[in-house]
Amino acid sequence: MAVVFMAVSCGETPAPQPDGAVGVPASSGAPSAEPSPATPVGNTLKAHKVPWISATPTDSSLNVVWWSGVEPCYVLDRVEVTETKDAVTVTLWEGHDRRKPDAVCIEIAIQKQTTVKLSAPLGTRKVIDGAK
């Protein structure tokens, strides 16, 4: 008895790579180099502190970037900011979106960003991660 296997392809033909190898087409949804913007939604389920990886000052605000997961399992709940004359402490809180409590999400890391308004320009104050 002979067994025959057939390969069936759906979708685009893989794009040639610079070294001549065949790979994933450029339009395949590869991750972007830019972090995804996030806005606090409040009242999430199981909210917890999340450490951030950078906080870049711009005028009277900070652009805060962190690693997260996909929505609705990982959404920005709130951002707590404490300002003193010497430091600014930024604490990010994430949780599960309460509007979709039974949602199941793939476990993949993505970068997110949010803008935090300060009461005054950062100046020489140091920025502290409140989750660490």
N, C-alpha and C. Protein backbone atom coordinates (compact mmCIF):
# COMPACT_ATOMS: atom_id res chain seq x y z
N MET A 1 0.85 -1.17 0.00
CA MET A 1 0.00 0.00 0.00
C MET A 1 0.90 1.24 0.00
N ALA A 2 0.58 2.17 -0.86
CA ALA A 2 1.37 3.41 -0.96
C ALA A 2 0.61 4.53 -0.26
N VAL A 3 1.34 5.34 0.47
CA VAL A 3 0.76 6.51 1.13
C VAL A 3 1.32 7.74 0.44
N VAL A 4 0.43 8.65 0.08
CA VAL A 4 0.84 9.86 -0.62
C VAL A 4 0.52 11.05 0.27
N PHE A 5 1.49 11.91 0.48
CA PHE A 5 1.28 13.13 1.24
C PHE A 5 1.29 14.30 0.28
N MET A 6 0.34 15.21 0.45
CA MET A 6 0.31 16.42 -0.36
C MET A 6 0.45 17.62 0.55
N ALA A 7 1.24 18.57 0.14
CA ALA A 7 1.36 19.82 0.88
C ALA A 7 0.43 20.83 0.23
N VAL A 8 -0.36 21.47 1.03
CA VAL A 8 -1.29 22.47 0.54
C VAL A 8 -0.93 23.80 1.18
N SER A 9 -0.85 24.82 0.39
CA SER A 9 -0.49 26.14 0.89
C SER A 9 -1.68 27.07 0.76
N CYS A 10 -1.92 27.84 1.80
CA CYS A 10 -2.99 28.82 1.78
C CYS A 10 -2.37 30.20 1.97
N GLY A 11 -2.87 31.18 1.30
CA GLY A 11 -2.39 32.54 1.53
C GLY A 11 -1.25 32.90 0.60
N GLU A 12 -0.43 33.85 1.08
CA GLU A 12 0.65 34.40 0.26
C GLU A 12 1.82 33.44 0.15
N THR A 13 2.57 33.61 -0.92
CA THR A 13 3.81 32.88 -1.09
C THR A 13 4.85 33.54 -0.19
N PRO A 14 5.63 32.76 0.56
CA PRO A 14 6.63 33.36 1.44
C PRO A 14 7.59 34.24 0.66
N ALA A 15 7.98 35.36 1.27
CA ALA A 15 8.88 36.30 0.63
C ALA A 15 10.32 35.82 0.74
N PRO A 16 11.12 36.00 -0.34
CA PRO A 16 12.52 35.62 -0.25
C PRO A 16 13.25 36.54 0.72
N GLN A 17 14.18 36.00 1.47
CA GLN A 17 14.98 36.75 2.41
C GLN A 17 16.28 37.16 1.75
N PRO A 18 17.01 38.12 2.33
CA PRO A 18 18.26 38.58 1.71
C PRO A 18 19.25 37.46 1.42
N ASP A 19 19.28 36.41 2.24
CA ASP A 19 20.24 35.33 2.02
C ASP A 19 19.71 34.27 1.06
N GLY A 20 18.54 34.53 0.46
CA GLY A 20 17.96 33.59 -0.49
C GLY A 20 17.00 32.60 0.14
N ALA A 21 16.95 32.54 1.46
CA ALA A 21 16.03 31.63 2.14
C ALA A 21 14.60 32.15 2.00
N VAL A 22 13.64 31.28 2.15
CA VAL A 22 12.25 31.68 2.07
C VAL A 22 11.73 31.84 3.49
N GLY A 23 11.03 32.95 3.76
CA GLY A 23 10.54 33.22 5.11
C GLY A 23 9.12 33.71 5.13
N VAL A 24 8.75 34.30 6.22
CA VAL A 24 7.40 34.81 6.42
C VAL A 24 7.23 36.09 5.61
N PRO A 25 6.11 36.26 4.93
CA PRO A 25 5.90 37.48 4.15
C PRO A 25 5.91 38.72 5.04
N ALA A 26 6.31 39.83 4.47
CA ALA A 26 6.40 41.08 5.22
C ALA A 26 5.06 41.51 5.78
N SER A 27 3.95 41.14 5.16
CA SER A 27 2.62 41.56 5.62
C SER A 27 2.00 40.55 6.59
N SER A 28 2.81 39.76 7.25
CA SER A 28 2.28 38.69 8.09
C SER A 28 1.86 39.13 9.47
N GLY A 29 1.96 40.43 9.80
CA GLY A 29 1.57 40.89 11.12
C GLY A 29 2.71 40.81 12.11
N ALA A 30 3.94 40.90 11.63
CA ALA A 30 5.10 40.89 12.52
C ALA A 30 4.99 42.04 13.50
N PRO A 31 5.52 41.87 14.72
CA PRO A 31 5.38 42.91 15.73
C PRO A 31 6.02 44.23 15.30
N SER A 32 5.42 45.31 15.72
CA SER A 32 5.91 46.64 15.42
C SER A 32 7.03 47.01 16.39
N ALA A 33 7.92 47.88 15.96
CA ALA A 33 9.00 48.34 16.83
C ALA A 33 8.48 49.37 17.84
N GLU A 34 7.34 49.95 17.58
CA GLU A 34 6.75 50.95 18.47
C GLU A 34 5.87 50.29 19.53
N PRO A 35 5.98 50.74 20.79
CA PRO A 35 5.08 50.22 21.82
C PRO A 35 3.62 50.60 21.52
N SER A 36 2.69 49.76 21.95
CA SER A 36 1.26 50.03 21.78
C SER A 36 0.80 51.05 22.82
N PRO A 37 0.05 52.08 22.41
CA PRO A 37 -0.44 53.05 23.39
C PRO A 37 -1.49 52.41 24.30
N ALA A 38 -1.46 52.77 25.58
CA ALA A 38 -2.42 52.26 26.56
C ALA A 38 -2.97 53.40 27.38
N THR A 39 -4.27 53.35 27.64
CA THR A 39 -4.95 54.33 28.45
C THR A 39 -5.60 53.61 29.63
N PRO A 40 -5.48 54.16 30.84
CA PRO A 40 -6.09 53.49 32.00
C PRO A 40 -7.60 53.32 31.84
N VAL A 41 -8.10 52.12 32.18
CA VAL A 41 -9.53 51.84 32.08
C VAL A 41 -10.20 51.77 33.45
N GLY A 42 -9.43 51.53 34.51
CA GLY A 42 -9.98 51.48 35.87
C GLY A 42 -10.83 50.24 36.13
N ASN A 43 -10.96 49.92 37.38
CA ASN A 43 -11.83 48.83 37.86
C ASN A 43 -11.57 47.48 37.19
N THR A 44 -10.30 47.15 36.98
CA THR A 44 -9.99 45.84 36.40
C THR A 44 -10.05 44.76 37.48
N LEU A 45 -10.07 43.51 37.03
CA LEU A 45 -10.07 42.38 37.94
C LEU A 45 -8.62 42.00 38.28
N LYS A 46 -8.37 41.69 39.54
CA LYS A 46 -7.05 41.26 40.00
C LYS A 46 -5.94 42.24 39.62
N ALA A 47 -6.17 43.53 39.86
CA ALA A 47 -5.16 44.54 39.54
C ALA A 47 -3.89 44.30 40.35
N HIS A 48 -2.76 44.49 39.69
CA HIS A 48 -1.46 44.29 40.34
C HIS A 48 -0.45 45.28 39.76
N LYS A 49 0.60 45.55 40.54
CA LYS A 49 1.65 46.46 40.09
C LYS A 49 2.47 45.80 38.99
N VAL A 50 2.90 46.63 38.03
CA VAL A 50 3.71 46.14 36.90
C VAL A 50 4.94 47.03 36.78
N PRO A 51 6.14 46.45 36.80
CA PRO A 51 7.35 47.26 36.62
C PRO A 51 7.45 47.79 35.19
N TRP A 52 8.00 48.99 35.05
CA TRP A 52 8.20 49.55 33.72
C TRP A 52 9.68 49.52 33.37
N ILE A 53 9.99 49.70 32.06
CA ILE A 53 11.38 49.60 31.60
C ILE A 53 12.00 50.95 31.26
N SER A 54 11.16 51.96 30.99
CA SER A 54 11.71 53.29 30.73
C SER A 54 10.66 54.36 30.99
N ALA A 55 11.15 55.55 31.34
CA ALA A 55 10.29 56.72 31.55
C ALA A 55 11.03 57.91 30.96
N THR A 56 10.61 58.36 29.80
CA THR A 56 11.29 59.43 29.08
C THR A 56 10.55 60.75 29.27
N PRO A 57 11.23 61.78 29.81
CA PRO A 57 10.55 63.06 30.03
C PRO A 57 10.33 63.83 28.73
N THR A 58 9.16 64.47 28.64
CA THR A 58 8.82 65.38 27.54
C THR A 58 8.02 66.52 28.15
N ASP A 59 8.58 67.73 28.18
CA ASP A 59 7.94 68.89 28.80
C ASP A 59 7.52 68.56 30.23
N SER A 60 6.22 68.58 30.52
CA SER A 60 5.72 68.29 31.86
C SER A 60 5.05 66.92 31.92
N SER A 61 5.64 65.95 31.25
CA SER A 61 5.09 64.60 31.26
C SER A 61 6.21 63.56 31.13
N LEU A 62 5.83 62.30 31.33
CA LEU A 62 6.74 61.18 31.15
C LEU A 62 6.09 60.19 30.21
N ASN A 63 6.86 59.67 29.27
CA ASN A 63 6.39 58.60 28.39
C ASN A 63 6.91 57.30 29.01
N VAL A 64 6.01 56.50 29.59
CA VAL A 64 6.39 55.30 30.33
C VAL A 64 6.13 54.07 29.47
N VAL A 65 7.14 53.18 29.38
CA VAL A 65 7.07 51.97 28.56
C VAL A 65 7.28 50.76 29.45
N TRP A 66 6.50 49.68 29.21
CA TRP A 66 6.63 48.44 29.98
C TRP A 66 6.26 47.25 29.11
N TRP A 67 6.66 46.05 29.58
CA TRP A 67 6.27 44.81 28.92
C TRP A 67 4.96 44.35 29.52
N SER A 68 4.07 43.85 28.67
CA SER A 68 2.75 43.43 29.10
C SER A 68 2.29 42.26 28.26
N GLY A 69 1.00 41.92 28.39
CA GLY A 69 0.37 40.90 27.58
C GLY A 69 -0.75 41.51 26.76
N VAL A 70 -1.51 40.67 26.07
CA VAL A 70 -2.57 41.16 25.19
C VAL A 70 -3.85 41.44 25.96
N GLU A 71 -4.64 42.36 25.40
CA GLU A 71 -5.95 42.67 25.97
C GLU A 71 -6.93 41.57 25.57
N PRO A 72 -7.94 41.29 26.32
CA PRO A 72 -8.41 41.95 27.53
C PRO A 72 -7.81 41.37 28.81
N CYS A 73 -6.87 40.44 28.68
CA CYS A 73 -6.29 39.83 29.89
C CYS A 73 -5.32 40.75 30.61
N TYR A 74 -4.70 41.67 29.88
CA TYR A 74 -3.75 42.60 30.47
C TYR A 74 -4.07 44.01 29.99
N VAL A 75 -4.76 44.78 30.82
CA VAL A 75 -5.09 46.16 30.48
C VAL A 75 -4.59 47.07 31.60
N LEU A 76 -4.26 48.29 31.22
CA LEU A 76 -3.79 49.27 32.20
C LEU A 76 -4.97 49.71 33.06
N ASP A 77 -4.90 49.43 34.35
CA ASP A 77 -5.96 49.81 35.28
C ASP A 77 -5.82 51.28 35.67
N ARG A 78 -4.63 51.63 36.19
CA ARG A 78 -4.40 53.00 36.63
C ARG A 78 -2.90 53.27 36.71
N VAL A 79 -2.57 54.56 36.81
CA VAL A 79 -1.19 54.99 37.01
C VAL A 79 -1.20 55.90 38.23
N GLU A 80 -0.39 55.54 39.22
CA GLU A 80 -0.27 56.37 40.42
C GLU A 80 1.04 57.14 40.34
N VAL A 81 0.96 58.46 40.57
CA VAL A 81 2.15 59.32 40.50
C VAL A 81 2.27 60.09 41.82
N THR A 82 3.44 60.00 42.44
CA THR A 82 3.74 60.77 43.65
C THR A 82 4.94 61.66 43.34
N GLU A 83 4.75 62.96 43.50
CA GLU A 83 5.81 63.91 43.18
C GLU A 83 6.31 64.59 44.46
N THR A 84 7.63 64.65 44.60
CA THR A 84 8.27 65.44 45.65
C THR A 84 9.28 66.35 44.98
N LYS A 85 9.98 67.16 45.78
CA LYS A 85 10.96 68.07 45.18
C LYS A 85 12.18 67.32 44.64
N ASP A 86 12.41 66.07 45.13
CA ASP A 86 13.58 65.30 44.71
C ASP A 86 13.28 64.15 43.76
N ALA A 87 12.03 63.68 43.72
CA ALA A 87 11.73 62.47 42.94
C ALA A 87 10.28 62.43 42.47
N VAL A 88 10.08 61.62 41.43
CA VAL A 88 8.74 61.31 40.93
C VAL A 88 8.62 59.79 40.94
N THR A 89 7.65 59.27 41.66
CA THR A 89 7.42 57.82 41.71
C THR A 89 6.21 57.50 40.85
N VAL A 90 6.42 56.60 39.87
CA VAL A 90 5.35 56.20 38.95
C VAL A 90 5.09 54.71 39.17
N THR A 91 3.82 54.39 39.49
CA THR A 91 3.42 53.01 39.70
C THR A 91 2.32 52.65 38.71
N LEU A 92 2.59 51.64 37.87
CA LEU A 92 1.60 51.15 36.90
C LEU A 92 0.85 49.99 37.53
N TRP A 93 -0.45 49.93 37.29
CA TRP A 93 -1.31 48.83 37.74
C TRP A 93 -2.02 48.25 36.53
N GLU A 94 -1.96 46.93 36.38
CA GLU A 94 -2.66 46.23 35.31
C GLU A 94 -3.59 45.19 35.90
N GLY A 95 -4.60 44.83 35.13
CA GLY A 95 -5.52 43.78 35.53
C GLY A 95 -6.27 43.24 34.32
N HIS A 96 -7.22 42.38 34.59
CA HIS A 96 -8.05 41.76 33.54
C HIS A 96 -9.28 42.65 33.33
N ASP A 97 -9.61 42.94 32.09
CA ASP A 97 -10.76 43.80 31.76
C ASP A 97 -12.04 43.15 32.30
N ARG A 98 -12.72 43.86 33.19
CA ARG A 98 -13.93 43.30 33.84
C ARG A 98 -15.09 43.12 32.86
N ARG A 99 -15.04 43.77 31.70
CA ARG A 99 -16.11 43.61 30.70
C ARG A 99 -16.01 42.27 29.98
N LYS A 100 -14.85 41.60 30.11
CA LYS A 100 -14.63 40.30 29.46
C LYS A 100 -13.97 39.35 30.47
N PRO A 101 -14.68 39.03 31.56
CA PRO A 101 -14.06 38.25 32.64
C PRO A 101 -13.68 36.82 32.25
N ASP A 102 -14.32 36.25 31.25
CA ASP A 102 -14.03 34.87 30.88
C ASP A 102 -13.11 34.75 29.67
N ALA A 103 -12.58 35.87 29.22
CA ALA A 103 -11.71 35.84 28.04
C ALA A 103 -10.44 35.06 28.33
N VAL A 104 -9.98 34.36 27.32
CA VAL A 104 -8.71 33.64 27.38
C VAL A 104 -7.80 34.28 26.35
N CYS A 105 -6.55 34.56 26.76
CA CYS A 105 -5.62 35.25 25.87
C CYS A 105 -4.36 34.43 25.67
N ILE A 106 -3.75 34.63 24.52
CA ILE A 106 -2.47 33.97 24.27
C ILE A 106 -1.42 34.63 25.17
N GLU A 107 -0.42 33.88 25.54
CA GLU A 107 0.66 34.41 26.37
C GLU A 107 1.77 34.87 25.44
N ILE A 108 1.79 36.17 25.19
CA ILE A 108 2.81 36.77 24.34
C ILE A 108 3.16 38.12 24.95
N ALA A 109 4.42 38.46 24.93
CA ALA A 109 4.86 39.73 25.50
C ALA A 109 4.83 40.83 24.43
N ILE A 110 4.25 41.96 24.82
CA ILE A 110 4.25 43.13 23.94
C ILE A 110 4.63 44.35 24.78
N GLN A 111 5.19 45.34 24.13
CA GLN A 111 5.50 46.58 24.82
C GLN A 111 4.31 47.52 24.73
N LYS A 112 4.03 48.20 25.83
CA LYS A 112 2.97 49.20 25.86
C LYS A 112 3.57 50.50 26.38
N GLN A 113 2.86 51.59 26.12
CA GLN A 113 3.31 52.89 26.61
C GLN A 113 2.12 53.73 27.03
N THR A 114 2.35 54.61 27.98
CA THR A 114 1.33 55.56 28.40
C THR A 114 2.04 56.86 28.75
N THR A 115 1.31 57.96 28.67
CA THR A 115 1.87 59.27 29.01
C THR A 115 1.34 59.68 30.37
N VAL A 116 2.26 60.09 31.24
CA VAL A 116 1.93 60.50 32.60
C VAL A 116 2.18 62.00 32.71
N LYS A 117 1.15 62.76 33.07
CA LYS A 117 1.29 64.21 33.24
C LYS A 117 1.89 64.51 34.61
N LEU A 118 2.83 65.44 34.64
CA LEU A 118 3.44 65.88 35.89
C LEU A 118 2.92 67.27 36.24
N SER A 119 2.97 67.62 37.53
CA SER A 119 2.50 68.95 37.94
C SER A 119 3.51 70.03 37.58
N ALA A 120 4.77 69.61 37.35
CA ALA A 120 5.84 70.53 36.95
C ALA A 120 6.85 69.73 36.13
N PRO A 121 7.67 70.40 35.31
CA PRO A 121 8.69 69.67 34.55
C PRO A 121 9.57 68.83 35.48
N LEU A 122 10.09 67.72 34.96
CA LEU A 122 10.88 66.80 35.76
C LEU A 122 12.13 67.46 36.33
N GLY A 123 12.80 68.26 35.53
CA GLY A 123 14.03 68.92 36.00
C GLY A 123 15.07 67.91 36.43
N THR A 124 15.64 68.10 37.62
CA THR A 124 16.69 67.23 38.13
C THR A 124 16.14 66.10 39.01
N ARG A 125 14.82 66.05 39.15
CA ARG A 125 14.24 64.98 39.99
C ARG A 125 14.49 63.62 39.37
N LYS A 126 14.70 62.61 40.22
CA LYS A 126 14.86 61.25 39.68
C LYS A 126 13.49 60.58 39.58
N VAL A 127 13.40 59.62 38.66
CA VAL A 127 12.15 58.90 38.44
C VAL A 127 12.30 57.51 39.04
N ILE A 128 11.32 57.11 39.86
CA ILE A 128 11.36 55.86 40.58
C ILE A 128 10.19 54.97 40.14
N ASP A 129 10.46 53.69 39.95
CA ASP A 129 9.42 52.72 39.61
C ASP A 129 8.78 52.23 40.92
N GLY A 130 7.51 52.56 41.10
CA GLY A 130 6.80 52.18 42.32
C GLY A 130 6.49 50.71 42.44
N ALA A 131 6.71 49.93 41.38
CA ALA A 131 6.43 48.49 41.42
C ALA A 131 7.66 47.69 41.86
N LYS A 132 8.79 48.35 42.00
CA LYS A 132 10.03 47.62 42.37
C LYS A 132 10.33 47.81 43.84
